[in-house]
Amino acid sequence: MINAIIYWNVDPTIINLTDSLPLKYYGLLWAIGLMSAFVVVKRIYKKEGIPIENLENLTVYVFIGAFLGARLGHCLFYEPMYYLQHPLEILLPITFVDGSVKFIGFQGLASHGGTLGIMISIIIYGKKTKTNILWILDRVAIASAITAMFIRIGNLMNSEIYGKPTNGDWGVVFQRDDMIPRHPTQAYEAFSYLLIFIILSYVYYTPKIKKHNGLIVGLLFILLFSARFIIEFFKENQEHFEDTMSINMGQILSIPFIIAGFVLIFWKKKIPNN
């Protein structure tokens, strides 16, 4: 058998802008993901004749919702005890070491929390502007898959959220942690999210779909969180408390979204838009 092991030892920092301010791949890829999403939705708005000013306002809501949701989701779902004792570190990219402040960036963003944050921000925006909330969610859903792909590539560049050991004949060795060949679950997820983006883009151009606002976001929930649920079986647990669980926190948090996706699809297929 051909040895297909890849040795991965990429420095997460691209360049140090100052002694205390590094430019990292993760942050850059987050930004690229958000910009890509904006471009995708902008094309949709132009196609449907919606003023771009509306999208610019929506973008502010979505960005704030995504960041706050992802950050709070990580702090509350994965490390609640630590952040309850260090509340300033929840929303500030710093840590306190021996009485001094150290810039570390935001280490920990949960996709489930980010999804909830985006949904809440869109609901607020929709009510304020009297825009159909499911209509907005459908368009943002298409773009969110491509953003998720870039975020997982960022995790790969950080050598984090990787998989369990493989049989040793193939896999990726994340040398910054150990010399064990592992499943590159970040790459698995990134590829899955790219495929989901392609599927949702195809579905968007299916005429019958536009008669039922909510079908696209429902399909996103089913596809994305089902992929996440399955890939979690190959992934190392992020926190020690998950070691005693039959399914981990990521899988538990994925189940409500999958159920919500099926509910949306079956409900909206029976109720055409006005």
Protein backbone atom coordinates (compact mmCIF):
# COMPACT_ATOMS: atom_id res chain seq x y z
CA MET A 1 0.00 0.00 0.00
CA ILE A 2 1.25 3.48 -0.91
CA ASN A 3 2.00 5.59 2.12
CA ALA A 4 -0.29 8.63 1.86
CA ILE A 5 0.60 10.44 5.06
CA ILE A 6 0.80 14.23 4.86
CA TYR A 7 2.92 16.11 7.40
CA TRP A 8 1.28 19.41 8.31
CA ASN A 9 3.24 22.08 10.16
CA VAL A 10 1.95 25.42 8.91
CA ASP A 11 2.57 28.45 11.12
CA PRO A 12 -0.87 29.89 11.98
CA THR A 13 0.60 33.41 11.89
CA ILE A 14 1.13 34.90 8.45
CA ILE A 15 3.04 37.93 9.70
CA ASN A 16 3.41 39.94 12.89
CA LEU A 17 2.08 43.41 12.15
CA THR A 18 3.52 44.55 15.50
CA ASP A 19 5.09 42.76 18.46
CA SER A 20 1.65 42.16 19.94
CA LEU A 21 -0.59 42.11 16.85
CA PRO A 22 -0.22 39.05 14.58
CA LEU A 23 -2.09 38.54 11.31
CA LYS A 24 -3.32 34.95 11.35
CA TYR A 25 -4.74 32.70 8.67
CA TYR A 26 -7.84 32.02 10.75
CA GLY A 27 -8.88 35.66 11.00
CA LEU A 28 -8.04 36.29 7.35
CA LEU A 29 -10.08 33.31 6.18
CA TRP A 30 -13.00 34.38 8.36
CA ALA A 31 -12.88 37.76 6.58
CA ILE A 32 -12.61 36.13 3.14
CA GLY A 33 -15.57 33.90 3.99
CA LEU A 34 -17.73 36.85 4.99
CA MET A 35 -16.72 38.84 1.89
CA SER A 36 -17.48 35.83 -0.32
CA ALA A 37 -20.91 35.55 1.27
CA PHE A 38 -21.54 39.24 0.60
CA VAL A 39 -20.61 38.81 -3.07
CA VAL A 40 -22.91 35.80 -3.44
CA VAL A 41 -25.91 37.52 -1.87
CA LYS A 42 -25.17 40.72 -3.79
CA ARG A 43 -25.51 38.80 -7.06
CA ILE A 44 -28.83 37.40 -5.86
CA TYR A 45 -30.09 40.87 -4.88
CA LYS A 46 -29.11 42.26 -8.29
CA LYS A 47 -30.80 39.36 -10.05
CA GLU A 48 -34.03 39.97 -8.14
CA GLY A 49 -33.87 43.75 -8.46
CA ILE A 50 -33.45 44.41 -4.73
CA PRO A 51 -31.60 47.65 -3.79
CA ILE A 52 -28.02 46.94 -2.72
CA GLU A 53 -28.48 49.41 0.14
CA ASN A 54 -30.80 46.86 1.73
CA LEU A 55 -28.04 44.25 1.60
CA GLU A 56 -25.49 46.62 3.12
CA ASN A 57 -27.77 47.22 6.09
CA LEU A 58 -28.48 43.49 6.42
CA THR A 59 -24.74 42.73 6.33
CA VAL A 60 -24.14 44.80 9.46
CA TYR A 61 -26.82 42.86 11.33
CA VAL A 62 -25.55 39.47 10.12
CA PHE A 63 -21.91 40.24 10.91
CA ILE A 64 -22.71 41.30 14.47
CA GLY A 65 -25.05 38.34 14.96
CA ALA A 66 -22.56 35.83 13.55
CA PHE A 67 -19.68 37.04 15.70
CA LEU A 68 -21.60 37.44 18.95
CA GLY A 69 -23.43 34.15 18.45
CA ALA A 70 -20.28 32.20 17.57
CA ARG A 71 -18.31 33.65 20.46
CA LEU A 72 -21.03 33.29 23.09
CA GLY A 73 -21.84 29.83 21.76
CA HIS A 74 -18.29 28.63 22.33
CA CYS A 75 -18.05 30.21 25.78
CA LEU A 76 -21.41 28.84 26.97
CA PHE A 77 -21.43 25.44 25.24
CA TYR A 78 -17.80 24.40 25.66
CA GLU A 79 -16.07 26.39 28.44
CA PRO A 80 -18.74 28.00 30.63
CA MET A 81 -16.86 27.73 33.92
CA TYR A 82 -13.70 29.39 32.59
CA TYR A 83 -15.49 32.31 30.95
CA LEU A 84 -17.80 32.91 33.88
CA GLN A 85 -14.61 33.48 35.87
CA HIS A 86 -13.03 35.56 33.07
CA PRO A 87 -15.97 37.50 31.55
CA LEU A 88 -13.80 40.16 29.89
CA GLU A 89 -12.21 37.50 27.69
CA ILE A 90 -15.59 36.61 26.17
CA LEU A 91 -15.74 39.70 23.96
CA LEU A 92 -12.15 40.96 24.12
CA PRO A 93 -9.29 39.24 22.20
CA ILE A 94 -7.03 39.20 25.27
CA THR A 95 -6.02 37.09 28.23
CA PHE A 96 -4.49 38.03 31.54
CA VAL A 97 -1.14 36.40 32.33
CA ASP A 98 0.68 37.17 35.59
CA GLY A 99 -1.09 40.49 35.91
CA SER A 100 -0.32 41.59 32.32
CA VAL A 101 -2.60 41.71 29.29
CA LYS A 102 -1.72 39.57 26.26
CA PHE A 103 -3.40 39.80 22.84
CA ILE A 104 -4.35 36.29 21.67
CA GLY A 105 -7.23 36.89 19.27
CA PHE A 106 -10.58 35.18 19.71
CA GLN A 107 -9.75 31.54 20.47
CA GLY A 108 -13.04 29.75 20.19
CA LEU A 109 -16.01 30.35 17.89
CA ALA A 110 -18.88 27.86 17.75
CA SER A 111 -20.69 27.40 14.43
CA HIS A 112 -23.96 26.45 16.14
CA GLY A 113 -23.90 29.68 18.14
CA GLY A 114 -23.02 31.61 15.00
CA THR A 115 -26.01 30.13 13.19
CA LEU A 116 -28.33 31.11 16.04
CA GLY A 117 -26.82 34.59 16.10
CA ILE A 118 -27.40 35.04 12.37
CA MET A 119 -31.01 33.85 12.68
CA ILE A 120 -31.72 36.25 15.53
CA SER A 121 -30.12 39.18 13.69
CA ILE A 122 -32.16 38.42 10.55
CA ILE A 123 -35.37 38.21 12.58
CA ILE A 124 -34.61 41.63 14.12
CA TYR A 125 -33.73 43.08 10.71
CA GLY A 126 -36.81 41.56 9.05
CA LYS A 127 -39.19 42.93 11.67
CA LYS A 128 -37.56 46.36 11.57
CA THR A 129 -37.68 46.60 7.76
CA LYS A 130 -40.93 44.62 7.35
CA THR A 131 -39.15 42.12 5.07
CA ASN A 132 -40.15 38.46 4.84
CA ILE A 133 -37.78 36.75 7.27
CA LEU A 134 -37.80 33.36 5.51
CA TRP A 135 -37.06 35.09 2.20
CA ILE A 136 -33.94 36.63 3.74
CA LEU A 137 -32.92 33.39 5.43
CA ASP A 138 -33.10 31.51 2.12
CA ARG A 139 -30.72 33.93 0.40
CA VAL A 140 -28.30 34.12 3.31
CA ALA A 141 -28.39 30.31 3.61
CA ILE A 142 -26.81 29.91 0.17
CA ALA A 143 -23.91 32.14 1.07
CA SER A 144 -23.41 30.81 4.61
CA ALA A 145 -22.21 27.45 3.31
CA ILE A 146 -19.28 29.08 1.50
CA THR A 147 -18.42 31.08 4.62
CA ALA A 148 -18.39 27.87 6.67
CA MET A 149 -15.99 26.33 4.17
CA PHE A 150 -13.44 29.15 4.62
CA ILE A 151 -13.74 28.95 8.40
CA ARG A 152 -12.89 25.23 8.37
CA ILE A 153 -9.89 25.95 6.14
CA GLY A 154 -8.87 28.43 8.83
CA ASN A 155 -9.10 25.64 11.42
CA LEU A 156 -6.85 23.53 9.18
CA MET A 157 -4.27 26.33 9.03
CA ASN A 158 -4.42 26.48 12.85
CA SER A 159 -3.91 22.69 13.14
CA GLU A 160 -7.02 22.53 15.32
CA ILE A 161 -10.33 20.64 15.44
CA TYR A 162 -8.63 17.69 13.78
CA GLY A 163 -9.70 14.07 13.68
CA LYS A 164 -9.02 10.86 15.50
CA PRO A 165 -6.03 8.66 14.56
CA THR A 166 -6.32 6.70 11.31
CA ASN A 167 -4.89 3.23 10.68
CA GLY A 168 -1.42 4.71 10.12
CA ASP A 169 -1.23 4.15 6.35
CA TRP A 170 -2.79 7.47 5.46
CA GLY A 171 -3.93 10.68 7.10
CA VAL A 172 -2.47 14.00 8.18
CA VAL A 173 0.15 14.40 10.89
CA PHE A 174 -0.44 17.70 12.69
CA GLN A 175 3.13 18.13 13.85
CA ARG A 176 2.37 21.04 16.13
CA ASP A 177 0.54 18.62 18.43
CA ASP A 178 1.87 15.10 17.86
CA MET A 179 3.20 12.68 15.22
CA ILE A 180 0.04 10.59 14.84
CA PRO A 181 -1.67 10.31 11.41
CA ARG A 182 -5.20 11.65 11.84
CA HIS A 183 -8.39 12.25 9.89
CA PRO A 184 -8.22 15.81 8.47
CA THR A 185 -11.78 16.51 9.57
CA GLN A 186 -11.39 20.23 8.83
CA ALA A 187 -10.87 19.29 5.16
CA TYR A 188 -13.80 16.86 5.27
CA GLU A 189 -16.08 19.63 6.52
CA ALA A 190 -14.71 22.24 4.12
CA PHE A 191 -15.36 19.96 1.14
CA SER A 192 -18.84 19.09 2.45
CA TYR A 193 -19.74 22.77 2.83
CA LEU A 194 -18.50 23.57 -0.69
CA LEU A 195 -20.70 20.77 -2.04
CA ILE A 196 -23.66 22.08 -0.03
CA PHE A 197 -23.08 25.57 -1.47
CA ILE A 198 -23.23 24.11 -4.98
CA ILE A 199 -26.43 22.18 -4.18
CA LEU A 200 -28.16 25.20 -2.64
CA SER A 201 -27.13 27.40 -5.59
CA TYR A 202 -28.68 24.85 -7.96
CA VAL A 203 -31.85 24.65 -5.88
CA TYR A 204 -32.17 28.44 -5.86
CA TYR A 205 -32.45 28.48 -9.65
CA THR A 206 -35.25 25.89 -9.56
CA PRO A 207 -38.43 27.93 -10.28
CA LYS A 208 -40.77 25.95 -8.01
CA ILE A 209 -38.55 26.55 -4.98
CA LYS A 210 -39.26 30.29 -5.01
CA LYS A 211 -42.92 29.59 -4.31
CA HIS A 212 -42.00 28.35 -0.85
CA ASN A 213 -39.84 30.69 1.25
CA GLY A 214 -37.99 28.65 3.86
CA LEU A 215 -37.19 25.58 1.77
CA ILE A 216 -33.59 26.58 1.05
CA VAL A 217 -32.70 27.39 4.67
CA GLY A 218 -34.45 24.16 5.71
CA LEU A 219 -32.31 22.21 3.25
CA LEU A 220 -29.20 24.00 4.54
CA PHE A 221 -29.98 22.92 8.11
CA ILE A 222 -30.47 19.29 7.07
CA LEU A 223 -27.40 19.02 4.83
CA LEU A 224 -24.90 21.07 6.82
CA PHE A 225 -25.72 19.79 10.28
CA SER A 226 -26.11 16.19 9.09
CA ALA A 227 -22.63 16.44 7.59
CA ARG A 228 -21.39 17.94 10.85
CA PHE A 229 -23.08 15.17 12.88
CA ILE A 230 -21.45 12.41 10.79
CA ILE A 231 -17.98 13.97 10.63
CA GLU A 232 -17.97 14.42 14.42
CA PHE A 233 -17.61 10.60 14.72
CA PHE A 234 -14.14 10.99 13.16
CA LYS A 235 -13.20 14.11 15.15
CA GLU A 236 -11.37 14.39 18.46
CA ASN A 237 -13.51 15.87 21.21
CA GLN A 238 -12.85 19.55 21.78
CA GLU A 239 -13.31 19.43 25.55
CA HIS A 240 -12.56 16.76 28.17
CA PHE A 241 -16.14 16.59 29.43
CA GLU A 242 -17.17 15.17 26.03
CA ASP A 243 -15.07 12.03 26.59
CA THR A 244 -17.79 10.53 28.79
CA MET A 245 -20.60 11.27 26.30
CA SER A 246 -22.00 8.82 23.74
CA ILE A 247 -22.29 11.68 21.26
CA ASN A 248 -20.39 14.91 21.67
CA MET A 249 -21.58 18.48 22.12
CA GLY A 250 -21.29 19.30 18.42
CA GLN A 251 -23.62 16.41 17.58
CA ILE A 252 -26.10 17.28 20.33
CA LEU A 253 -26.28 20.87 19.10
CA SER A 254 -26.73 19.71 15.49
CA ILE A 255 -29.87 17.65 16.17
CA PRO A 256 -32.27 20.60 16.75
CA PHE A 257 -31.14 22.22 13.50
CA ILE A 258 -31.70 19.01 11.53
CA ILE A 259 -35.19 18.64 13.01
CA ALA A 260 -35.94 22.32 12.29
CA GLY A 261 -34.84 21.79 8.69
CA PHE A 262 -37.28 18.92 8.15
CA VAL A 263 -40.08 20.86 9.83
CA LEU A 264 -39.47 23.87 7.56
CA ILE A 265 -39.42 21.79 4.40
CA PHE A 266 -42.57 19.77 5.13
CA TRP A 267 -44.41 22.86 6.38
CA LYS A 268 -43.48 25.21 3.54
CA LYS A 269 -44.08 22.64 0.79
CA LYS A 270 -47.73 22.64 1.85
CA ILE A 271 -48.03 26.41 2.20
CA PRO A 272 -47.07 28.44 -0.92
CA ASN A 273 -46.00 32.06 -0.46
CA ASN A 274 -48.63 34.75 -0.79
